[in-house]
Amino acid sequence: MQTLKGVALPSFVITPQVQKIFDEQGQRQDFGYGNRLENLITEFLWLSEALAQQRSAKPL
């Protein structure tokens, strides 16, 4: 059995009703959404940097 060789990111952001997050001009109405998105991006960047460092230290 082959593995997918993927890495799970535990954070996620759900956007079920985008019309409630942004108004018709594209301005954000739900400011908590921005915080959740920022947390996701921060965690994604951290994980990406950690993987890059490990791969350069121990190439496959």
PDB file of N, CA and C in Angstrom:
ATOM      1  N   MET A   1       0.844  -1.184   0.000  1.00  0.00           N
ATOM      2  CA  MET A   1       0.000   0.000   0.000  1.00  0.00           C
ATOM      3  C   MET A   1       0.887   1.243   0.000  1.00  0.00           C
ATOM      4  N   GLN A   2       0.620   2.164  -0.885  1.00  0.00           N
ATOM      5  CA  GLN A   2       1.397   3.398  -0.948  1.00  0.00           C
ATOM      6  C   GLN A   2       0.782   4.452  -0.042  1.00  0.00           C
ATOM      7  N   THR A   3       1.642   5.325   0.440  1.00  0.00           N
ATOM      8  CA  THR A   3       1.148   6.444   1.243  1.00  0.00           C
ATOM      9  C   THR A   3       1.004   7.673   0.363  1.00  0.00           C
ATOM     10  N   LEU A   4       0.208   8.601   0.812  1.00  0.00           N
ATOM     11  CA  LEU A   4       0.012   9.842   0.065  1.00  0.00           C
ATOM     12  C   LEU A   4       1.135  10.838   0.297  1.00  0.00           C
ATOM     13  N   LYS A   5       1.919  10.631   1.343  1.00  0.00           N
ATOM     14  CA  LYS A   5       3.016  11.523   1.715  1.00  0.00           C
ATOM     15  C   LYS A   5       2.521  12.947   1.923  1.00  0.00           C
ATOM     16  N   GLY A   6       1.410  13.066   2.572  1.00  0.00           N
ATOM     17  CA  GLY A   6       0.843  14.380   2.866  1.00  0.00           C
ATOM     18  C   GLY A   6       1.069  14.749   4.321  1.00  0.00           C
ATOM     19  N   VAL A   7       0.854  15.982   4.626  1.00  0.00           N
ATOM     20  CA  VAL A   7       0.969  16.487   5.988  1.00  0.00           C
ATOM     21  C   VAL A   7      -0.348  17.163   6.333  1.00  0.00           C
ATOM     22  N   ALA A   8      -0.898  16.791   7.471  1.00  0.00           N
ATOM     23  CA  ALA A   8      -2.180  17.371   7.888  1.00  0.00           C
ATOM     24  C   ALA A   8      -1.956  18.696   8.604  1.00  0.00           C
ATOM     25  N   LEU A   9      -2.780  19.653   8.291  1.00  0.00           N
ATOM     26  CA  LEU A   9      -2.791  20.941   8.975  1.00  0.00           C
ATOM     27  C   LEU A   9      -4.055  20.961   9.830  1.00  0.00           C
ATOM     28  N   PRO A  10      -3.916  20.999  11.155  1.00  0.00           N
ATOM     29  CA  PRO A  10      -5.103  20.872  12.008  1.00  0.00           C
ATOM     30  C   PRO A  10      -6.069  22.051  11.951  1.00  0.00           C
ATOM     31  N   SER A  11      -5.627  23.197  11.522  1.00  0.00           N
ATOM     32  CA  SER A  11      -6.512  24.368  11.460  1.00  0.00           C
ATOM     33  C   SER A  11      -7.295  24.383  10.155  1.00  0.00           C
ATOM     34  N   PHE A  12      -8.458  24.986  10.190  1.00  0.00           N
ATOM     35  CA  PHE A  12      -9.261  25.152   8.986  1.00  0.00           C
ATOM     36  C   PHE A  12     -10.193  26.342   9.166  1.00  0.00           C
ATOM     37  N   VAL A  13     -10.679  26.868   8.065  1.00  0.00           N
ATOM     38  CA  VAL A  13     -11.627  27.986   8.085  1.00  0.00           C
ATOM     39  C   VAL A  13     -12.803  27.594   7.199  1.00  0.00           C
ATOM     40  N   ILE A  14     -13.993  27.644   7.764  1.00  0.00           N
ATOM     41  CA  ILE A  14     -15.202  27.304   7.021  1.00  0.00           C
ATOM     42  C   ILE A  14     -15.901  28.599   6.604  1.00  0.00           C
ATOM     43  N   THR A  15     -16.364  28.640   5.363  1.00  0.00           N
ATOM     44  CA  THR A  15     -17.072  29.812   4.847  1.00  0.00           C
ATOM     45  C   THR A  15     -18.393  29.363   4.217  1.00  0.00           C
ATOM     46  N   PRO A  16     -19.371  28.969   5.045  1.00  0.00           N
ATOM     47  CA  PRO A  16     -20.616  28.453   4.470  1.00  0.00           C
ATOM     48  C   PRO A  16     -21.518  29.530   3.863  1.00  0.00           C
ATOM     49  N   GLN A  17     -21.469  30.735   4.387  1.00  0.00           N
ATOM     50  CA  GLN A  17     -22.342  31.807   3.897  1.00  0.00           C
ATOM     51  C   GLN A  17     -21.514  33.071   3.687  1.00  0.00           C
ATOM     52  N   VAL A  18     -20.801  33.093   2.567  1.00  0.00           N
ATOM     53  CA  VAL A  18     -19.887  34.196   2.288  1.00  0.00           C
ATOM     54  C   VAL A  18     -20.618  35.537   2.235  1.00  0.00           C
ATOM     55  N   GLN A  19     -21.888  35.528   1.885  1.00  0.00           N
ATOM     56  CA  GLN A  19     -22.656  36.778   1.814  1.00  0.00           C
ATOM     57  C   GLN A  19     -22.822  37.423   3.189  1.00  0.00           C
ATOM     58  N   LYS A  20     -22.616  36.658   4.264  1.00  0.00           N
ATOM     59  CA  LYS A  20     -22.694  37.238   5.607  1.00  0.00           C
ATOM     60  C   LYS A  20     -21.337  37.753   6.082  1.00  0.00           C
ATOM     61  N   ILE A  21     -20.280  37.335   5.418  1.00  0.00           N
ATOM     62  CA  ILE A  21     -18.932  37.756   5.806  1.00  0.00           C
ATOM     63  C   ILE A  21     -18.540  39.050   5.104  1.00  0.00           C
ATOM     64  N   PHE A  22     -18.964  39.201   3.842  1.00  0.00           N
ATOM     65  CA  PHE A  22     -18.631  40.387   3.054  1.00  0.00           C
ATOM     66  C   PHE A  22     -19.906  41.060   2.565  1.00  0.00           C
ATOM     67  N   ASP A  23     -19.875  42.389   2.490  1.00  0.00           N
ATOM     68  CA  ASP A  23     -21.025  43.103   1.929  1.00  0.00           C
ATOM     69  C   ASP A  23     -20.893  43.166   0.400  1.00  0.00           C
ATOM     70  N   GLU A  24     -21.804  43.854  -0.249  1.00  0.00           N
ATOM     71  CA  GLU A  24     -21.809  43.903  -1.716  1.00  0.00           C
ATOM     72  C   GLU A  24     -20.608  44.645  -2.293  1.00  0.00           C
ATOM     73  N   GLN A  25     -19.949  45.478  -1.495  1.00  0.00           N
ATOM     74  CA  GLN A  25     -18.749  46.185  -1.954  1.00  0.00           C
ATOM     75  C   GLN A  25     -17.481  45.388  -1.646  1.00  0.00           C
ATOM     76  N   GLY A  26     -17.633  44.217  -1.061  1.00  0.00           N
ATOM     77  CA  GLY A  26     -16.482  43.385  -0.736  1.00  0.00           C
ATOM     78  C   GLY A  26     -15.836  43.715   0.590  1.00  0.00           C
ATOM     79  N   GLN A  27     -16.477  44.557   1.386  1.00  0.00           N
ATOM     80  CA  GLN A  27     -15.940  44.919   2.696  1.00  0.00           C
ATOM     81  C   GLN A  27     -16.323  43.852   3.717  1.00  0.00           C
ATOM     82  N   ARG A  28     -15.375  43.499   4.547  1.00  0.00           N
ATOM     83  CA  ARG A  28     -15.607  42.460   5.549  1.00  0.00           C
ATOM     84  C   ARG A  28     -16.580  42.947   6.613  1.00  0.00           C
ATOM     85  N   GLN A  29     -17.554  42.106   6.938  1.00  0.00           N
ATOM     86  CA  GLN A  29     -18.538  42.407   7.973  1.00  0.00           C
ATOM     87  C   GLN A  29     -18.299  41.572   9.232  1.00  0.00           C
ATOM     88  N   ASP A  30     -17.775  40.379   9.057  1.00  0.00           N
ATOM     89  CA  ASP A  30     -17.496  39.472  10.179  1.00  0.00           C
ATOM     90  C   ASP A  30     -16.002  39.552  10.477  1.00  0.00           C
ATOM     91  N   PHE A  31     -15.629  40.329  11.482  1.00  0.00           N
ATOM     92  CA  PHE A  31     -14.209  40.550  11.756  1.00  0.00           C
ATOM     93  C   PHE A  31     -13.555  39.356  12.436  1.00  0.00           C
ATOM     94  N   GLY A  32     -14.340  38.484  13.031  1.00  0.00           N
ATOM     95  CA  GLY A  32     -13.796  37.248  13.580  1.00  0.00           C
ATOM     96  C   GLY A  32     -13.265  36.333  12.484  1.00  0.00           C
ATOM     97  N   TYR A  33     -13.864  36.417  11.301  1.00  0.00           N
ATOM     98  CA  TYR A  33     -13.420  35.611  10.161  1.00  0.00           C
ATOM     99  C   TYR A  33     -11.975  35.958   9.803  1.00  0.00           C
ATOM    100  N   GLY A  34     -11.650  37.225   9.807  1.00  0.00           N
ATOM    101  CA  GLY A  34     -10.282  37.644   9.505  1.00  0.00           C
ATOM    102  C   GLY A  34      -9.287  37.078  10.502  1.00  0.00           C
ATOM    103  N   ASN A  35      -9.660  37.050  11.771  1.00  0.00           N
ATOM    104  CA  ASN A  35      -8.785  36.478  12.798  1.00  0.00           C
ATOM    105  C   ASN A  35      -8.576  34.987  12.566  1.00  0.00           C
ATOM    106  N   ARG A  36      -9.653  34.280  12.236  1.00  0.00           N
ATOM    107  CA  ARG A  36      -9.537  32.840  11.985  1.00  0.00           C
ATOM    108  C   ARG A  36      -8.667  32.578  10.757  1.00  0.00           C
ATOM    109  N   LEU A  37      -8.841  33.391   9.731  1.00  0.00           N
ATOM    110  CA  LEU A  37      -8.042  33.234   8.516  1.00  0.00           C
ATOM    111  C   LEU A  37      -6.568  33.552   8.788  1.00  0.00           C
ATOM    112  N   GLU A  38      -6.318  34.577   9.565  1.00  0.00           N
ATOM    113  CA  GLU A  38      -4.935  34.929   9.915  1.00  0.00           C
ATOM    114  C   GLU A  38      -4.266  33.804  10.701  1.00  0.00           C
ATOM    115  N   ASN A  39      -4.999  33.184  11.631  1.00  0.00           N
ATOM    116  CA  ASN A  39      -4.452  32.058  12.392  1.00  0.00           C
ATOM    117  C   ASN A  39      -4.115  30.886  11.478  1.00  0.00           C
ATOM    118  N   LEU A  40      -4.987  30.610  10.521  1.00  0.00           N
ATOM    119  CA  LEU A  40      -4.739  29.527   9.571  1.00  0.00           C
ATOM    120  C   LEU A  40      -3.477  29.805   8.758  1.00  0.00           C
ATOM    121  N   ILE A  41      -3.339  31.005   8.250  1.00  0.00           N
ATOM    122  CA  ILE A  41      -2.175  31.361   7.433  1.00  0.00           C
ATOM    123  C   ILE A  41      -0.894  31.299   8.258  1.00  0.00           C
ATOM    124  N   THR A  42      -0.948  31.785   9.489  1.00  0.00           N
ATOM    125  CA  THR A  42       0.222  31.741  10.368  1.00  0.00           C
ATOM    126  C   THR A  42       0.662  30.306  10.613  1.00  0.00           C
ATOM    127  N   GLU A  43      -0.293  29.427  10.903  1.00  0.00           N
ATOM    128  CA  GLU A  43       0.036  28.023  11.145  1.00  0.00           C
ATOM    129  C   GLU A  43       0.564  27.359   9.872  1.00  0.00           C
ATOM    130  N   PHE A  44      -0.034  27.675   8.730  1.00  0.00           N
ATOM    131  CA  PHE A  44       0.421  27.112   7.459  1.00  0.00           C
ATOM    132  C   PHE A  44       1.863  27.529   7.164  1.00  0.00           C
ATOM    133  N   LEU A  45       2.180  28.806   7.367  1.00  0.00           N
ATOM    134  CA  LEU A  45       3.542  29.286   7.114  1.00  0.00           C
ATOM    135  C   LEU A  45       4.542  28.648   8.067  1.00  0.00           C
ATOM    136  N   TRP A  46       4.153  28.506   9.333  1.00  0.00           N
ATOM    137  CA  TRP A  46       5.036  27.867  10.310  1.00  0.00           C
ATOM    138  C   TRP A  46       5.333  26.435   9.891  1.00  0.00           C
ATOM    139  N   LEU A  47       4.292  25.695   9.536  1.00  0.00           N
ATOM    140  CA  LEU A  47       4.467  24.308   9.132  1.00  0.00           C
ATOM    141  C   LEU A  47       5.319  24.210   7.868  1.00  0.00           C
ATOM    142  N   SER A  48       5.105  25.085   6.913  1.00  0.00           N
ATOM    143  CA  SER A  48       5.892  25.088   5.674  1.00  0.00           C
ATOM    144  C   SER A  48       7.369  25.320   5.958  1.00  0.00           C
ATOM    145  N   GLU A  49       7.663  26.283   6.829  1.00  0.00           N
ATOM    146  CA  GLU A  49       9.059  26.574   7.178  1.00  0.00           C
ATOM    147  C   GLU A  49       9.692  25.415   7.934  1.00  0.00           C
ATOM    148  N   ALA A  50       8.945  24.800   8.840  1.00  0.00           N
ATOM    149  CA  ALA A  50       9.467  23.662   9.600  1.00  0.00           C
ATOM    150  C   ALA A  50       9.784  22.491   8.668  1.00  0.00           C
ATOM    151  N   LEU A  51       8.900  22.216   7.729  1.00  0.00           N
ATOM    152  CA  LEU A  51       9.145  21.132   6.773  1.00  0.00           C
ATOM    153  C   LEU A  51      10.347  21.438   5.885  1.00  0.00           C
ATOM    154  N   ALA A  52      10.469  22.673   5.437  1.00  0.00           N
ATOM    155  CA  ALA A  52      11.605  23.054   4.589  1.00  0.00           C
ATOM    156  C   ALA A  52      12.920  22.889   5.342  1.00  0.00           C
ATOM    157  N   GLN A  53      12.959  23.280   6.601  1.00  0.00           N
ATOM    158  CA  GLN A  53      14.175  23.134   7.403  1.00  0.00           C
ATOM    159  C   GLN A  53      14.531  21.668   7.598  1.00  0.00           C
ATOM    160  N   GLN A  54      13.537  20.848   7.885  1.00  0.00           N
ATOM    161  CA  GLN A  54      13.791  19.421   8.073  1.00  0.00           C
ATOM    162  C   GLN A  54      14.284  18.775   6.785  1.00  0.00           C
ATOM    163  N   ARG A  55      13.692  19.147   5.671  1.00  0.00           N
ATOM    164  CA  ARG A  55      14.097  18.542   4.399  1.00  0.00           C
ATOM    165  C   ARG A  55      15.511  18.950   4.009  1.00  0.00           C
ATOM    166  N   SER A  56      15.907  20.174   4.324  1.00  0.00           N
ATOM    167  CA  SER A  56      17.278  20.578   3.993  1.00  0.00           C
ATOM    168  C   SER A  56      18.278  19.943   4.953  1.00  0.00           C
ATOM    169  N   ALA A  57      17.864  19.678   6.198  1.00  0.00           N
ATOM    170  CA  ALA A  57      18.748  19.040   7.171  1.00  0.00           C
ATOM    171  C   ALA A  57      18.871  17.539   6.913  1.00  0.00           C
ATOM    172  N   LYS A  58      17.780  16.921   6.490  1.00  0.00           N
ATOM    173  CA  LYS A  58      17.760  15.472   6.248  1.00  0.00           C
ATOM    174  C   LYS A  58      17.073  15.200   4.910  1.00  0.00           C
ATOM    175  N   PRO A  59      17.802  15.340   3.800  1.00  0.00           N
ATOM    176  CA  PRO A  59      17.174  15.094   2.492  1.00  0.00           C
ATOM    177  C   PRO A  59      16.698  13.648   2.368  1.00  0.00           C
ATOM    178  N   LEU A  60      15.651  13.462   1.587  1.00  0.00           N
ATOM    179  CA  LEU A  60      15.108  12.108   1.373  1.00  0.00           C
ATOM    180  C   LEU A  60      16.016  11.281   0.507  1.00  0.00           C
TER     181      LEU A  60
END
